[in-house]
Amino acid sequence: MKDAKAHLSKDPILKKLIAKHQIKEYWGGHDNYFLDLIEIITGQQLSMKAAKSIFTRFLNLYSGSPREAGGEVGPNPQQVVNTSAEKLRAIGFSTSKANYVQNIAKATTSGALLLDQLEKMTDEEIKNELTKIKGIGPWSAEMFLIFSLKRPDVFSVGDLGLRTAIEKLYSINRDDLKAILTLSQTWSPHRTLAARLLWASLDN
């Protein structure tokens, strides 16, 4: 992370954020890529509080305690395949998200998605594999790369929070995706840390 901070400090705005915010070396991810994808789908277009509530209810449908409590937790993909869409909707999933959750489970059980092979792939290969599944778009794939695989050079131009932070800090319109992408490329190969700093700036 020392090299990443040194590189990003060439940007005077990020240099200030580095001085202000303590970013931990290791973070995110739960060593269960299947549940990570479900959690990302749950969080699409929802507040963190609402998403956490639904995801906790989802975990509690199955044996084992919520992930935050530690220990062995379920469900496995086959259990989710066997869970009706109606049951998923009853705990707060929309109809489309209930279908997306089952799409991930079916892709995993059928072998269409080989989660244990993802770490061996490049970022672009992973995005291509994940976005084959209906319900996983570029944003979701990028969140997986950042939070689950901890890839160092990922920036999600589709993330409204990042675009909002850039608008506030750099006076670039948050809908000017081309300008935002151009800016983000100056942070490569450490765009993930830049994104984390930008998210941190929103918390204040």
Protein backbone atom coordinates (compact mmCIF):
# COMPACT_ATOMS: atom_id res chain seq x y z
CA MET A 1 0.00 0.00 0.00
CA LYS A 2 2.99 2.31 0.51
CA ASP A 3 3.70 2.34 -3.24
CA ALA A 4 0.03 2.94 -3.99
CA LYS A 5 -0.12 5.92 -1.64
CA ALA A 6 3.07 7.34 -3.12
CA HIS A 7 1.63 7.09 -6.62
CA LEU A 8 -1.74 8.58 -5.69
CA SER A 9 -0.10 11.40 -3.73
CA LYS A 10 0.91 12.89 -7.08
CA ASP A 11 -2.74 13.96 -7.21
CA PRO A 12 -3.04 16.83 -4.68
CA ILE A 13 -6.67 16.02 -3.86
CA LEU A 14 -5.96 12.36 -3.18
CA LYS A 15 -2.89 13.35 -1.21
CA LYS A 16 -5.17 15.25 1.19
CA LEU A 17 -7.53 12.26 1.43
CA ILE A 18 -4.61 9.94 2.21
CA ALA A 19 -3.58 12.21 5.06
CA LYS A 20 -7.14 12.41 6.37
CA HIS A 21 -8.40 8.84 6.11
CA GLN A 22 -6.92 5.65 7.52
CA ILE A 23 -7.38 2.90 4.93
CA LYS A 24 -6.64 -0.59 6.21
CA GLU A 25 -4.45 -2.98 4.25
CA TYR A 26 -6.87 -5.90 4.31
CA TRP A 27 -10.59 -5.47 4.18
CA GLY A 28 -13.83 -6.85 2.74
CA GLY A 29 -14.55 -10.28 1.37
CA HIS A 30 -15.72 -13.31 3.29
CA ASP A 31 -13.93 -16.19 1.56
CA ASN A 32 -17.29 -17.31 0.22
CA TYR A 33 -17.60 -15.95 -3.30
CA PHE A 34 -21.09 -17.34 -3.76
CA LEU A 35 -22.47 -15.43 -0.77
CA ASP A 36 -20.44 -12.38 -1.76
CA LEU A 37 -22.25 -12.28 -5.10
CA ILE A 38 -25.62 -12.68 -3.39
CA GLU A 39 -24.76 -9.82 -1.04
CA ILE A 40 -23.73 -7.59 -3.95
CA ILE A 41 -26.98 -8.34 -5.78
CA THR A 42 -28.89 -7.57 -2.59
CA GLY A 43 -27.22 -4.16 -2.38
CA GLN A 44 -28.07 -3.04 -5.90
CA GLN A 45 -29.88 0.32 -5.77
CA LEU A 46 -30.55 0.05 -2.01
CA SER A 47 -29.20 1.85 1.02
CA MET A 48 -26.60 -0.07 3.02
CA LYS A 49 -29.04 -0.38 5.94
CA ALA A 50 -31.83 -1.84 3.82
CA ALA A 51 -29.48 -4.20 2.00
CA LYS A 52 -27.96 -5.47 5.24
CA SER A 53 -31.41 -6.13 6.69
CA ILE A 54 -32.52 -8.17 3.67
CA PHE A 55 -29.24 -10.07 3.44
CA THR A 56 -29.38 -10.98 7.14
CA ARG A 57 -32.93 -12.29 6.67
CA PHE A 58 -31.66 -14.26 3.67
CA LEU A 59 -28.93 -15.91 5.75
CA ASN A 60 -31.39 -16.65 8.51
CA LEU A 61 -33.53 -18.69 6.12
CA TYR A 62 -30.88 -21.37 6.41
CA SER A 63 -28.98 -23.12 9.18
CA GLY A 64 -26.12 -21.18 10.69
CA SER A 65 -25.89 -17.69 12.08
CA PRO A 66 -25.37 -14.47 10.13
CA ARG A 67 -21.88 -13.99 8.81
CA GLU A 68 -21.10 -11.18 11.23
CA ALA A 69 -21.37 -13.67 14.09
CA GLY A 70 -18.64 -15.85 12.63
CA GLY A 71 -18.59 -19.62 12.40
CA GLU A 72 -19.96 -21.85 9.67
CA VAL A 73 -22.78 -20.29 7.68
CA GLY A 74 -25.01 -21.32 4.83
CA PRO A 75 -26.54 -21.55 2.41
CA ASN A 76 -24.82 -23.46 -0.33
CA PRO A 77 -25.89 -22.91 -3.96
CA GLN A 78 -28.11 -26.01 -4.10
CA GLN A 79 -30.08 -24.82 -1.07
CA VAL A 80 -30.77 -21.55 -2.84
CA VAL A 81 -31.81 -23.34 -6.02
CA ASN A 82 -34.30 -25.25 -3.88
CA THR A 83 -35.68 -22.05 -2.33
CA SER A 84 -38.76 -20.71 -4.08
CA ALA A 85 -38.82 -17.22 -5.53
CA GLU A 86 -41.88 -16.58 -3.36
CA LYS A 87 -39.88 -17.30 -0.22
CA LEU A 88 -37.14 -14.93 -1.37
CA ARG A 89 -39.66 -12.21 -2.10
CA ALA A 90 -41.17 -12.67 1.35
CA ILE A 91 -37.91 -11.55 3.00
CA GLY A 92 -37.64 -8.40 0.91
CA PHE A 93 -36.20 -9.27 -2.48
CA SER A 94 -37.94 -7.78 -5.50
CA THR A 95 -39.15 -10.25 -8.11
CA SER A 96 -36.18 -9.46 -10.35
CA LYS A 97 -33.64 -9.77 -7.53
CA ALA A 98 -35.14 -13.06 -6.39
CA ASN A 99 -34.60 -14.33 -9.93
CA TYR A 100 -31.05 -12.95 -10.01
CA VAL A 101 -30.18 -14.73 -6.76
CA GLN A 102 -31.43 -18.00 -8.20
CA ASN A 103 -29.58 -17.33 -11.47
CA ILE A 104 -26.29 -17.18 -9.55
CA ALA A 105 -27.14 -20.34 -7.63
CA LYS A 106 -28.10 -22.23 -10.79
CA ALA A 107 -24.97 -21.09 -12.64
CA THR A 108 -22.84 -22.27 -9.73
CA THR A 109 -24.50 -25.67 -9.33
CA SER A 110 -24.51 -26.34 -13.09
CA GLY A 111 -20.83 -25.50 -13.49
CA ALA A 112 -21.56 -22.56 -15.78
CA LEU A 113 -19.83 -20.39 -13.17
CA LEU A 114 -16.70 -21.87 -11.62
CA LEU A 115 -16.11 -19.69 -8.57
CA ASP A 116 -12.92 -21.50 -7.59
CA GLN A 117 -11.35 -20.57 -10.93
CA LEU A 118 -11.96 -16.82 -10.75
CA GLU A 119 -8.78 -16.00 -8.84
CA LYS A 120 -6.73 -17.32 -11.75
CA MET A 121 -8.38 -14.95 -14.25
CA THR A 122 -7.64 -11.38 -15.23
CA ASP A 123 -10.02 -8.61 -14.18
CA GLU A 124 -11.55 -8.45 -17.65
CA GLU A 125 -11.97 -12.22 -17.86
CA ILE A 126 -13.75 -12.20 -14.51
CA LYS A 127 -16.06 -9.40 -15.60
CA ASN A 128 -16.86 -11.28 -18.79
CA GLU A 129 -17.65 -14.47 -16.88
CA LEU A 130 -19.79 -12.81 -14.23
CA THR A 131 -21.80 -10.60 -16.58
CA LYS A 132 -22.93 -13.66 -18.52
CA ILE A 133 -25.31 -14.24 -15.60
CA LYS A 134 -28.49 -12.20 -15.80
CA GLY A 135 -28.53 -9.87 -12.82
CA ILE A 136 -24.78 -9.30 -12.65
CA GLY A 137 -23.86 -6.17 -14.55
CA PRO A 138 -20.56 -4.27 -14.77
CA TRP A 139 -21.07 -2.52 -11.41
CA SER A 140 -21.72 -5.78 -9.57
CA ALA A 141 -18.72 -7.44 -11.21
CA GLU A 142 -16.51 -4.49 -10.26
CA MET A 143 -17.70 -4.59 -6.65
CA PHE A 144 -16.79 -8.29 -6.59
CA LEU A 145 -13.32 -7.51 -7.95
CA ILE A 146 -12.80 -4.80 -5.33
CA PHE A 147 -14.36 -6.27 -2.21
CA SER A 148 -14.01 -10.02 -2.70
CA LEU A 149 -10.89 -10.50 -4.81
CA LYS A 150 -9.24 -7.28 -3.60
CA ARG A 151 -7.88 -6.51 -7.05
CA PRO A 152 -5.72 -3.34 -6.89
CA ASP A 153 -6.65 -1.53 -10.10
CA VAL A 154 -10.43 -1.39 -10.35
CA PHE A 155 -12.56 1.73 -10.79
CA SER A 156 -16.32 1.55 -11.27
CA VAL A 157 -17.53 4.46 -13.35
CA GLY A 158 -21.05 3.15 -12.83
CA ASP A 159 -20.87 3.77 -9.09
CA LEU A 160 -22.88 6.87 -8.20
CA GLY A 161 -20.96 7.39 -4.97
CA LEU A 162 -17.62 7.58 -6.77
CA ARG A 163 -19.02 9.93 -9.40
CA THR A 164 -20.55 12.13 -6.71
CA ALA A 165 -17.23 12.32 -4.83
CA ILE A 166 -15.41 13.27 -8.04
CA GLU A 167 -17.98 15.97 -8.78
CA LYS A 168 -17.50 17.45 -5.31
CA LEU A 169 -13.72 17.22 -5.24
CA TYR A 170 -12.76 17.79 -8.87
CA SER A 171 -15.70 19.84 -10.18
CA ILE A 172 -16.31 17.30 -12.94
CA ASN A 173 -19.98 16.70 -13.69
CA ARG A 174 -20.87 13.27 -12.35
CA ASP A 175 -22.58 12.41 -15.63
CA ASP A 176 -19.46 13.16 -17.68
CA LEU A 177 -18.31 9.55 -17.75
CA LYS A 178 -15.58 10.17 -20.32
CA ALA A 179 -13.92 12.83 -18.17
CA ILE A 180 -14.23 10.68 -15.05
CA LEU A 181 -12.65 7.71 -16.80
CA THR A 182 -9.83 9.88 -18.09
CA LEU A 183 -9.17 11.13 -14.55
CA SER A 184 -9.29 7.61 -13.09
CA GLN A 185 -6.70 6.37 -15.57
CA THR A 186 -4.14 8.74 -14.03
CA TRP A 187 -4.49 6.71 -10.81
CA SER A 188 -3.70 3.35 -12.45
CA PRO A 189 -2.40 0.84 -11.36
CA HIS A 190 -3.87 1.77 -7.96
CA ARG A 191 -7.42 2.75 -8.82
CA THR A 192 -8.94 0.56 -6.10
CA LEU A 193 -7.26 2.56 -3.35
CA ALA A 194 -8.32 5.78 -5.09
CA ALA A 195 -11.90 4.51 -5.08
CA ARG A 196 -11.71 3.65 -1.39
CA LEU A 197 -10.42 7.13 -0.60
CA LEU A 198 -13.22 8.72 -2.62
CA TRP A 199 -15.83 6.61 -0.81
CA ALA A 200 -14.25 7.58 2.50
CA SER A 201 -14.59 11.27 1.59
CA LEU A 202 -18.36 10.82 1.31
CA ASP A 203 -18.59 9.59 4.90
CA ASN A 204 -17.62 13.05 6.09
